[in-house]
Amino acid sequence: MTSFVDFSELIERHYLSIIRAALGYTGDMQQAQDMAHTAMLKACNARDSYKPELPFFPWMYRIVKNTCLDDAKKRRNQIPLEDAGLTSN
């Protein structure tokens, strides 16, 4: 089990790489930061599944990738308000 402090240090050390990974999926800096922060929270909650004897970034990258792909899937399934007839024209 990795302590929260040790895990926080890993996140901090790889912070820019995490943002860059998310940016590669989103193409937008603000959205990339949002996705990266969501992924970091997910990683913190799943830190017991991280094996310290293995490299950290590939594990973290997978979480970032899945977070971005899940978000893209949700966005694709949303109906714009204009198409749903919910806007007041």
Protein backbone atom coordinates (compact mmCIF):
# COMPACT_ATOMS: atom_id res chain seq x y z
CA MET A 1 0.00 0.00 0.00
CA THR A 2 1.31 3.42 -0.94
CA SER A 3 0.86 6.16 1.64
CA PHE A 4 -1.10 9.25 0.62
CA VAL A 5 2.00 11.44 1.07
CA ASP A 6 4.15 9.20 -1.14
CA PHE A 7 1.38 9.05 -3.71
CA SER A 8 0.95 12.83 -3.70
CA GLU A 9 4.66 13.18 -4.41
CA LEU A 10 4.33 10.88 -7.43
CA ILE A 11 1.41 12.92 -8.74
CA GLU A 12 3.33 16.15 -8.23
CA ARG A 13 6.42 14.78 -9.98
CA HIS A 14 4.38 13.73 -13.03
CA TYR A 15 1.90 16.63 -13.04
CA LEU A 16 2.97 18.19 -16.36
CA SER A 17 3.09 14.81 -18.09
CA ILE A 18 -0.42 14.07 -16.85
CA ILE A 19 -1.67 17.40 -18.25
CA ARG A 20 0.10 16.76 -21.57
CA ALA A 21 -1.42 13.28 -21.81
CA ALA A 22 -4.91 14.69 -21.27
CA LEU A 23 -4.24 17.49 -23.76
CA GLY A 24 -3.41 14.88 -26.37
CA TYR A 25 -6.92 13.47 -26.01
CA THR A 26 -8.90 16.69 -25.58
CA GLY A 27 -7.03 19.21 -27.75
CA ASP A 28 -8.15 21.95 -25.34
CA MET A 29 -6.06 23.14 -22.38
CA GLN A 30 -8.97 23.92 -20.04
CA GLN A 31 -10.65 20.60 -20.73
CA ALA A 32 -7.28 18.82 -20.41
CA GLN A 33 -6.75 20.35 -16.97
CA ASP A 34 -10.24 19.29 -15.92
CA MET A 35 -9.69 15.75 -17.18
CA ALA A 36 -6.24 15.58 -15.58
CA HIS A 37 -7.62 16.67 -12.20
CA THR A 38 -10.45 14.14 -12.46
CA ALA A 39 -7.92 11.44 -13.32
CA MET A 40 -5.71 12.43 -10.38
CA LEU A 41 -8.68 12.11 -8.02
CA LYS A 42 -9.51 8.70 -9.49
CA ALA A 43 -5.87 7.66 -9.10
CA CYS A 44 -5.82 8.78 -5.47
CA ASN A 45 -8.94 6.73 -4.79
CA ALA A 46 -7.38 3.71 -6.54
CA ARG A 47 -3.87 4.11 -5.13
CA ASP A 48 -4.06 0.74 -3.40
CA SER A 49 -4.09 -0.90 -6.84
CA TYR A 50 -0.80 0.79 -7.80
CA LYS A 51 2.21 -1.51 -7.47
CA PRO A 52 5.21 0.59 -6.34
CA GLU A 53 7.66 -1.86 -7.92
CA LEU A 54 6.30 -0.89 -11.36
CA PRO A 55 6.71 2.49 -13.09
CA PHE A 56 4.07 4.99 -12.03
CA PHE A 57 3.40 6.90 -15.23
CA PRO A 58 2.08 4.01 -17.40
CA TRP A 59 -0.45 3.23 -14.64
CA MET A 60 -1.41 6.91 -14.36
CA TYR A 61 -1.54 7.32 -18.14
CA ARG A 62 -4.11 4.53 -18.38
CA ILE A 63 -6.31 6.36 -15.86
CA VAL A 64 -5.95 9.64 -17.79
CA LYS A 65 -6.74 7.90 -21.07
CA ASN A 66 -9.85 6.18 -19.69
CA THR A 67 -11.04 9.40 -18.05
CA CYS A 68 -10.71 11.32 -21.32
CA LEU A 69 -12.35 8.58 -23.40
CA ASP A 70 -15.24 8.26 -20.93
CA ASP A 71 -15.78 12.02 -21.05
CA ALA A 72 -15.69 12.05 -24.86
CA LYS A 73 -18.27 9.25 -24.93
CA LYS A 74 -20.57 11.20 -22.57
CA ARG A 75 -20.20 14.33 -24.71
CA ARG A 76 -21.08 12.39 -27.87
CA ASN A 77 -24.25 11.06 -26.26
CA GLN A 78 -25.48 14.50 -25.16
CA ILE A 79 -28.19 16.17 -27.23
CA PRO A 80 -27.62 19.90 -27.79
CA LEU A 81 -30.35 22.03 -26.22
CA GLU A 82 -31.25 23.49 -29.61
CA ASP A 83 -31.90 20.00 -31.03
CA ALA A 84 -33.96 18.96 -28.02
CA GLY A 85 -36.22 22.03 -28.38
CA LEU A 86 -35.29 23.25 -24.92
CA THR A 87 -34.06 26.71 -25.84
CA SER A 88 -36.21 29.80 -25.87
CA ASN A 89 -35.81 31.34 -29.31
